[in-house]
Amino acid sequence: MAKRGNPNWGKPRPHALALRTEFEVQVKRLGLTKAEYVTSAALKAWCERNRNRVYIPEWLLKEWRIEVDTTYSHVA
């Protein structure tokens, strides 16, 4: 008789993928360390263009004094 249930229940998934945010993808593309975020003109320009669309760390938005429109919707 076959055992019932999932034998892996409660065990961590060894191959679970952690997805990167678009911000993290951009940082990797630019080859920046966390210490270089604030001084990167390219990252700042990207953040200004995408501030209402993607996650950007709050501490970085505050550092650059970038305001986010919380009511923004790209849906027409």
PDB file of N, CA and C in Angstrom:
ATOM      1  N   MET A   1       0.846  -1.183   0.000  1.00  0.00           N
ATOM      2  CA  MET A   1       0.000   0.000   0.000  1.00  0.00           C
ATOM      3  C   MET A   1       0.893   1.250   0.000  1.00  0.00           C
ATOM      4  N   ALA A   2       0.541   2.214  -0.829  1.00  0.00           N
ATOM      5  CA  ALA A   2       1.325   3.442  -0.952  1.00  0.00           C
ATOM      6  C   ALA A   2       1.101   4.349   0.250  1.00  0.00           C
ATOM      7  N   LYS A   3       2.158   5.057   0.628  1.00  0.00           N
ATOM      8  CA  LYS A   3       2.037   6.024   1.730  1.00  0.00           C
ATOM      9  C   LYS A   3       1.246   7.220   1.251  1.00  0.00           C
ATOM     10  N   ARG A   4       0.522   7.827   2.148  1.00  0.00           N
ATOM     11  CA  ARG A   4      -0.289   8.991   1.813  1.00  0.00           C
ATOM     12  C   ARG A   4       0.417  10.260   2.230  1.00  0.00           C
ATOM     13  N   GLY A   5       0.094  11.348   1.532  1.00  0.00           N
ATOM     14  CA  GLY A   5       0.624  12.647   1.904  1.00  0.00           C
ATOM     15  C   GLY A   5       1.945  12.966   1.215  1.00  0.00           C
ATOM     16  N   ASN A   6       2.431  14.147   1.450  1.00  0.00           N
ATOM     17  CA  ASN A   6       3.660  14.643   0.846  1.00  0.00           C
ATOM     18  C   ASN A   6       4.818  14.333   1.790  1.00  0.00           C
ATOM     19  N   PRO A   7       5.764  13.482   1.350  1.00  0.00           N
ATOM     20  CA  PRO A   7       6.875  13.127   2.247  1.00  0.00           C
ATOM     21  C   PRO A   7       7.810  14.303   2.526  1.00  0.00           C
ATOM     22  N   ASN A   8       7.724  15.367   1.718  1.00  0.00           N
ATOM     23  CA  ASN A   8       8.588  16.534   1.903  1.00  0.00           C
ATOM     24  C   ASN A   8       7.911  17.663   2.676  1.00  0.00           C
ATOM     25  N   TRP A   9       6.712  17.400   3.172  1.00  0.00           N
ATOM     26  CA  TRP A   9       5.979  18.431   3.893  1.00  0.00           C
ATOM     27  C   TRP A   9       6.780  18.897   5.103  1.00  0.00           C
ATOM     28  N   GLY A  10       6.932  20.204   5.249  1.00  0.00           N
ATOM     29  CA  GLY A  10       7.639  20.770   6.390  1.00  0.00           C
ATOM     30  C   GLY A  10       9.136  20.893   6.197  1.00  0.00           C
ATOM     31  N   LYS A  11       9.661  20.339   5.119  1.00  0.00           N
ATOM     32  CA  LYS A  11      11.097  20.440   4.844  1.00  0.00           C
ATOM     33  C   LYS A  11      11.348  21.638   3.929  1.00  0.00           C
ATOM     34  N   PRO A  12      12.463  22.324   4.113  1.00  0.00           N
ATOM     35  CA  PRO A  12      12.760  23.452   3.225  1.00  0.00           C
ATOM     36  C   PRO A  12      13.023  22.955   1.811  1.00  0.00           C
ATOM     37  N   ARG A  13      12.649  23.773   0.853  1.00  0.00           N
ATOM     38  CA  ARG A  13      12.881  23.420  -0.545  1.00  0.00           C
ATOM     39  C   ARG A  13      14.315  23.799  -0.905  1.00  0.00           C
ATOM     40  N   PRO A  14      15.132  22.845  -1.272  1.00  0.00           N
ATOM     41  CA  PRO A  14      16.550  23.136  -1.527  1.00  0.00           C
ATOM     42  C   PRO A  14      16.778  23.987  -2.775  1.00  0.00           C
ATOM     43  N   HIS A  15      15.884  23.929  -3.732  1.00  0.00           N
ATOM     44  CA  HIS A  15      16.099  24.643  -4.979  1.00  0.00           C
ATOM     45  C   HIS A  15      15.127  25.808  -5.171  1.00  0.00           C
ATOM     46  N   ALA A  16      14.600  26.316  -4.087  1.00  0.00           N
ATOM     47  CA  ALA A  16      13.670  27.442  -4.188  1.00  0.00           C
ATOM     48  C   ALA A  16      14.431  28.663  -4.694  1.00  0.00           C
ATOM     49  N   LEU A  17      13.889  29.304  -5.703  1.00  0.00           N
ATOM     50  CA  LEU A  17      14.539  30.474  -6.294  1.00  0.00           C
ATOM     51  C   LEU A  17      14.081  31.748  -5.596  1.00  0.00           C
ATOM     52  N   ALA A  18      15.034  32.595  -5.317  1.00  0.00           N
ATOM     53  CA  ALA A  18      14.720  33.909  -4.769  1.00  0.00           C
ATOM     54  C   ALA A  18      14.757  34.878  -5.946  1.00  0.00           C
ATOM     55  N   LEU A  19      13.629  35.484  -6.251  1.00  0.00           N
ATOM     56  CA  LEU A  19      13.560  36.402  -7.375  1.00  0.00           C
ATOM     57  C   LEU A  19      14.076  37.775  -6.981  1.00  0.00           C
ATOM     58  N   ARG A  20      14.821  38.398  -7.873  1.00  0.00           N
ATOM     59  CA  ARG A  20      15.341  39.741  -7.632  1.00  0.00           C
ATOM     60  C   ARG A  20      14.301  40.772  -8.009  1.00  0.00           C
ATOM     61  N   THR A  21      14.318  41.898  -7.285  1.00  0.00           N
ATOM     62  CA  THR A  21      13.470  43.021  -7.664  1.00  0.00           C
ATOM     63  C   THR A  21      14.122  43.703  -8.866  1.00  0.00           C
ATOM     64  N   GLU A  22      13.361  44.533  -9.564  1.00  0.00           N
ATOM     65  CA  GLU A  22      13.929  45.269 -10.693  1.00  0.00           C
ATOM     66  C   GLU A  22      15.067  46.179 -10.228  1.00  0.00           C
ATOM     67  N   PHE A  23      14.940  46.715  -9.015  1.00  0.00           N
ATOM     68  CA  PHE A  23      16.003  47.543  -8.450  1.00  0.00           C
ATOM     69  C   PHE A  23      17.286  46.725  -8.324  1.00  0.00           C
ATOM     70  N   GLU A  24      17.183  45.523  -7.777  1.00  0.00           N
ATOM     71  CA  GLU A  24      18.359  44.671  -7.602  1.00  0.00           C
ATOM     72  C   GLU A  24      18.978  44.281  -8.946  1.00  0.00           C
ATOM     73  N   VAL A  25      18.135  44.053  -9.940  1.00  0.00           N
ATOM     74  CA  VAL A  25      18.630  43.741 -11.284  1.00  0.00           C
ATOM     75  C   VAL A  25      19.422  44.925 -11.834  1.00  0.00           C
ATOM     76  N   GLN A  26      18.889  46.133 -11.636  1.00  0.00           N
ATOM     77  CA  GLN A  26      19.559  47.338 -12.127  1.00  0.00           C
ATOM     78  C   GLN A  26      20.903  47.555 -11.419  1.00  0.00           C
ATOM     79  N   VAL A  27      20.925  47.354 -10.121  1.00  0.00           N
ATOM     80  CA  VAL A  27      22.161  47.511  -9.348  1.00  0.00           C
ATOM     81  C   VAL A  27      23.212  46.524  -9.846  1.00  0.00           C
ATOM     82  N   LYS A  28      22.801  45.289 -10.095  1.00  0.00           N
ATOM     83  CA  LYS A  28      23.742  44.279 -10.596  1.00  0.00           C
ATOM     84  C   LYS A  28      24.232  44.656 -11.993  1.00  0.00           C
ATOM     85  N   ARG A  29      23.329  45.140 -12.841  1.00  0.00           N
ATOM     86  CA  ARG A  29      23.706  45.541 -14.193  1.00  0.00           C
ATOM     87  C   ARG A  29      24.745  46.662 -14.167  1.00  0.00           C
ATOM     88  N   LEU A  30      24.581  47.584 -13.224  1.00  0.00           N
ATOM     89  CA  LEU A  30      25.523  48.697 -13.088  1.00  0.00           C
ATOM     90  C   LEU A  30      26.791  48.294 -12.332  1.00  0.00           C
ATOM     91  N   GLY A  31      26.772  47.125 -11.698  1.00  0.00           N
ATOM     92  CA  GLY A  31      27.943  46.638 -10.965  1.00  0.00           C
ATOM     93  C   GLY A  31      28.242  47.434  -9.711  1.00  0.00           C
ATOM     94  N   LEU A  32      27.181  47.838  -8.994  1.00  0.00           N
ATOM     95  CA  LEU A  32      27.350  48.685  -7.813  1.00  0.00           C
ATOM     96  C   LEU A  32      27.327  47.893  -6.517  1.00  0.00           C
ATOM     97  N   THR A  33      28.085  48.379  -5.543  1.00  0.00           N
ATOM     98  CA  THR A  33      27.964  47.870  -4.181  1.00  0.00           C
ATOM     99  C   THR A  33      26.992  48.800  -3.452  1.00  0.00           C
ATOM    100  N   LYS A  34      26.495  48.371  -2.316  1.00  0.00           N
ATOM    101  CA  LYS A  34      25.556  49.198  -1.560  1.00  0.00           C
ATOM    102  C   LYS A  34      26.165  50.560  -1.210  1.00  0.00           C
ATOM    103  N   ALA A  35      27.455  50.576  -0.942  1.00  0.00           N
ATOM    104  CA  ALA A  35      28.143  51.825  -0.603  1.00  0.00           C
ATOM    105  C   ALA A  35      28.184  52.793  -1.787  1.00  0.00           C
ATOM    106  N   GLU A  36      28.046  52.286  -2.999  1.00  0.00           N
ATOM    107  CA  GLU A  36      28.111  53.126  -4.194  1.00  0.00           C
ATOM    108  C   GLU A  36      26.749  53.625  -4.683  1.00  0.00           C
ATOM    109  N   TYR A  37      25.673  53.124  -4.107  1.00  0.00           N
ATOM    110  CA  TYR A  37      24.331  53.506  -4.568  1.00  0.00           C
ATOM    111  C   TYR A  37      24.152  55.021  -4.616  1.00  0.00           C
ATOM    112  N   VAL A  38      24.433  55.694  -3.505  1.00  0.00           N
ATOM    113  CA  VAL A  38      24.155  57.128  -3.364  1.00  0.00           C
ATOM    114  C   VAL A  38      24.930  57.977  -4.360  1.00  0.00           C
ATOM    115  N   THR A  39      26.128  57.570  -4.714  1.00  0.00           N
ATOM    116  CA  THR A  39      26.958  58.380  -5.610  1.00  0.00           C
ATOM    117  C   THR A  39      26.790  58.031  -7.085  1.00  0.00           C
ATOM    118  N   SER A  40      25.957  57.075  -7.399  1.00  0.00           N
ATOM    119  CA  SER A  40      25.768  56.658  -8.786  1.00  0.00           C
ATOM    120  C   SER A  40      24.718  57.529  -9.484  1.00  0.00           C
ATOM    121  N   ALA A  41      25.173  58.325 -10.456  1.00  0.00           N
ATOM    122  CA  ALA A  41      24.257  59.168 -11.230  1.00  0.00           C
ATOM    123  C   ALA A  41      23.327  58.312 -12.079  1.00  0.00           C
ATOM    124  N   ALA A  42      23.845  57.212 -12.618  1.00  0.00           N
ATOM    125  CA  ALA A  42      23.028  56.333 -13.461  1.00  0.00           C
ATOM    126  C   ALA A  42      21.904  55.682 -12.649  1.00  0.00           C
ATOM    127  N   LEU A  43      22.214  55.234 -11.440  1.00  0.00           N
ATOM    128  CA  LEU A  43      21.187  54.622 -10.588  1.00  0.00           C
ATOM    129  C   LEU A  43      20.158  55.661 -10.172  1.00  0.00           C
ATOM    130  N   LYS A  44      20.608  56.856  -9.835  1.00  0.00           N
ATOM    131  CA  LYS A  44      19.680  57.911  -9.427  1.00  0.00           C
ATOM    132  C   LYS A  44      18.716  58.245 -10.575  1.00  0.00           C
ATOM    133  N   ALA A  45      19.239  58.363 -11.791  1.00  0.00           N
ATOM    134  CA  ALA A  45      18.391  58.667 -12.949  1.00  0.00           C
ATOM    135  C   ALA A  45      17.380  57.546 -13.162  1.00  0.00           C
ATOM    136  N   TRP A  46      17.808  56.299 -13.032  1.00  0.00           N
ATOM    137  CA  TRP A  46      16.911  55.155 -13.193  1.00  0.00           C
ATOM    138  C   TRP A  46      15.823  55.185 -12.117  1.00  0.00           C
ATOM    139  N   CYS A  47      16.211  55.483 -10.879  1.00  0.00           N
ATOM    140  CA  CYS A  47      15.249  55.543  -9.775  1.00  0.00           C
ATOM    141  C   CYS A  47      14.238  56.670  -9.982  1.00  0.00           C
ATOM    142  N   GLU A  48      14.698  57.814 -10.469  1.00  0.00           N
ATOM    143  CA  GLU A  48      13.774  58.928 -10.728  1.00  0.00           C
ATOM    144  C   GLU A  48      12.755  58.544 -11.798  1.00  0.00           C
ATOM    145  N   ARG A  49      13.190  57.845 -12.832  1.00  0.00           N
ATOM    146  CA  ARG A  49      12.273  57.428 -13.905  1.00  0.00           C
ATOM    147  C   ARG A  49      11.293  56.365 -13.440  1.00  0.00           C
ATOM    148  N   ASN A  50      11.710  55.507 -12.523  1.00  0.00           N
ATOM    149  CA  ASN A  50      10.911  54.345 -12.130  1.00  0.00           C
ATOM    150  C   ASN A  50      10.348  54.412 -10.721  1.00  0.00           C
ATOM    151  N   ARG A  51      10.447  55.557 -10.068  1.00  0.00           N
ATOM    152  CA  ARG A  51      10.080  55.667  -8.653  1.00  0.00           C
ATOM    153  C   ARG A  51       8.637  55.286  -8.352  1.00  0.00           C
ATOM    154  N   ASN A  52       7.737  55.470  -9.299  1.00  0.00           N
ATOM    155  CA  ASN A  52       6.329  55.144  -9.068  1.00  0.00           C
ATOM    156  C   ASN A  52       5.956  53.763  -9.592  1.00  0.00           C
ATOM    157  N   ARG A  53       6.919  53.051 -10.133  1.00  0.00           N
ATOM    158  CA  ARG A  53       6.622  51.776 -10.776  1.00  0.00           C
ATOM    159  C   ARG A  53       7.240  50.570 -10.086  1.00  0.00           C
ATOM    160  N   VAL A  54       8.426  50.730  -9.495  1.00  0.00           N
ATOM    161  CA  VAL A  54       9.141  49.597  -8.894  1.00  0.00           C
ATOM    162  C   VAL A  54       9.582  49.925  -7.478  1.00  0.00           C
ATOM    163  N   TYR A  55       9.947  48.877  -6.741  1.00  0.00           N
ATOM    164  CA  TYR A  55      10.466  49.051  -5.388  1.00  0.00           C
ATOM    165  C   TYR A  55      11.854  49.678  -5.437  1.00  0.00           C
ATOM    166  N   ILE A  56      12.028  50.711  -4.625  1.00  0.00           N
ATOM    167  CA  ILE A  56      13.333  51.344  -4.408  1.00  0.00           C
ATOM    168  C   ILE A  56      13.450  51.511  -2.895  1.00  0.00           C
ATOM    169  N   PRO A  57      14.577  51.136  -2.304  1.00  0.00           N
ATOM    170  CA  PRO A  57      14.701  51.246  -0.839  1.00  0.00           C
ATOM    171  C   PRO A  57      14.381  52.659  -0.342  1.00  0.00           C
ATOM    172  N   GLU A  58      13.596  52.725   0.716  1.00  0.00           N
ATOM    173  CA  GLU A  58      13.171  54.017   1.263  1.00  0.00           C
ATOM    174  C   GLU A  58      14.342  54.889   1.680  1.00  0.00           C
ATOM    175  N   TRP A  59      15.378  54.281   2.269  1.00  0.00           N
ATOM    176  CA  TRP A  59      16.525  55.072   2.720  1.00  0.00           C
ATOM    177  C   TRP A  59      17.196  55.775   1.547  1.00  0.00           C
ATOM    178  N   LEU A  60      17.184  55.154   0.381  1.00  0.00           N
ATOM    179  CA  LEU A  60      17.802  55.750  -0.798  1.00  0.00           C
ATOM    180  C   LEU A  60      16.926  56.877  -1.349  1.00  0.00           C
ATOM    181  N   LEU A  61      15.629  56.673  -1.352  1.00  0.00           N
ATOM    182  CA  LEU A  61      14.709  57.739  -1.781  1.00  0.00           C
ATOM    183  C   LEU A  61      14.860  58.962  -0.886  1.00  0.00           C
ATOM    184  N   LYS A  62      14.975  58.732   0.412  1.00  0.00           N
ATOM    185  CA  LYS A  62      15.159  59.847   1.359  1.00  0.00           C
ATOM    186  C   LYS A  62      16.481  60.559   1.122  1.00  0.00           C
ATOM    187  N   GLU A  63      17.532  59.802   0.896  1.00  0.00           N
ATOM    188  CA  GLU A  63      18.863  60.370   0.663  1.00  0.00           C
ATOM    189  C   GLU A  63      18.861  61.293  -0.555  1.00  0.00           C
ATOM    190  N   TRP A  64      18.158  60.886  -1.594  1.00  0.00           N
ATOM    191  CA  TRP A  64      18.100  61.679  -2.828  1.00  0.00           C
ATOM    192  C   TRP A  64      16.929  62.658  -2.853  1.00  0.00           C
ATOM    193  N   ARG A  65      16.107  62.624  -1.802  1.00  0.00           N
ATOM    194  CA  ARG A  65      14.911  63.472  -1.719  1.00  0.00           C
ATOM    195  C   ARG A  65      13.992  63.257  -2.923  1.00  0.00           C
ATOM    196  N   ILE A  66      13.777  61.999  -3.253  1.00  0.00           N
ATOM    197  CA  ILE A  66      12.871  61.635  -4.339  1.00  0.00           C
ATOM    198  C   ILE A  66      11.515  61.307  -3.726  1.00  0.00           C
ATOM    199  N   GLU A  67      10.499  61.988  -4.191  1.00  0.00           N
ATOM    200  CA  GLU A  67       9.132  61.766  -3.702  1.00  0.00           C
ATOM    201  C   GLU A  67       8.448  60.712  -4.569  1.00  0.00           C
ATOM    202  N   VAL A  68       7.673  59.851  -3.937  1.00  0.00           N
ATOM    203  CA  VAL A  68       6.915  58.829  -4.641  1.00  0.00           C
ATOM    204  C   VAL A  68       5.444  59.183  -4.553  1.00  0.00           C
ATOM    205  N   ASP A  69       4.750  59.094  -5.693  1.00  0.00           N
ATOM    206  CA  ASP A  69       3.315  59.347  -5.734  1.00  0.00           C
ATOM    207  C   ASP A  69       2.606  58.050  -5.368  1.00  0.00           C
ATOM    208  N   THR A  70       2.079  57.975  -4.159  1.00  0.00           N
ATOM    209  CA  THR A  70       1.432  56.742  -3.691  1.00  0.00           C
ATOM    210  C   THR A  70       0.104  56.478  -4.369  1.00  0.00           C
ATOM    211  N   THR A  71      -0.435  57.468  -5.064  1.00  0.00           N
ATOM    212  CA  THR A  71      -1.704  57.265  -5.779  1.00  0.00           C
ATOM    213  C   THR A  71      -1.479  56.993  -7.253  1.00  0.00           C
ATOM    214  N   TYR A  72      -0.222  56.881  -7.652  1.00  0.00           N
ATOM    215  CA  TYR A  72       0.129  56.673  -9.061  1.00  0.00           C
ATOM    216  C   TYR A  72      -0.426  55.348  -9.576  1.00  0.00           C
ATOM    217  N   SER A  73      -0.955  55.385 -10.772  1.00  0.00           N
ATOM    218  CA  SER A  73      -1.407  54.177 -11.440  1.00  0.00           C
ATOM    219  C   SER A  73      -1.080  54.296 -12.910  1.00  0.00           C
ATOM    220  N   HIS A  74      -0.365  53.312 -13.450  1.00  0.00           N
ATOM    221  CA  HIS A  74      -0.014  53.359 -14.869  1.00  0.00           C
ATOM    222  C   HIS A  74      -1.155  52.849 -15.744  1.00  0.00           C
ATOM    223  N   VAL A  75      -2.262  52.458 -15.130  1.00  0.00           N
ATOM    224  CA  VAL A  75      -3.408  51.960 -15.887  1.00  0.00           C
ATOM    225  C   VAL A  75      -4.173  53.158 -16.453  1.00  0.00           C
ATOM    226  N   ALA A  76      -4.428  53.118 -17.744  1.00  0.00           N
ATOM    227  CA  ALA A  76      -5.138  54.229 -18.403  1.00  0.00           C
ATOM    228  C   ALA A  76      -6.626  54.147 -18.210  1.00  0.00           C
TER     229      ALA A  76
END
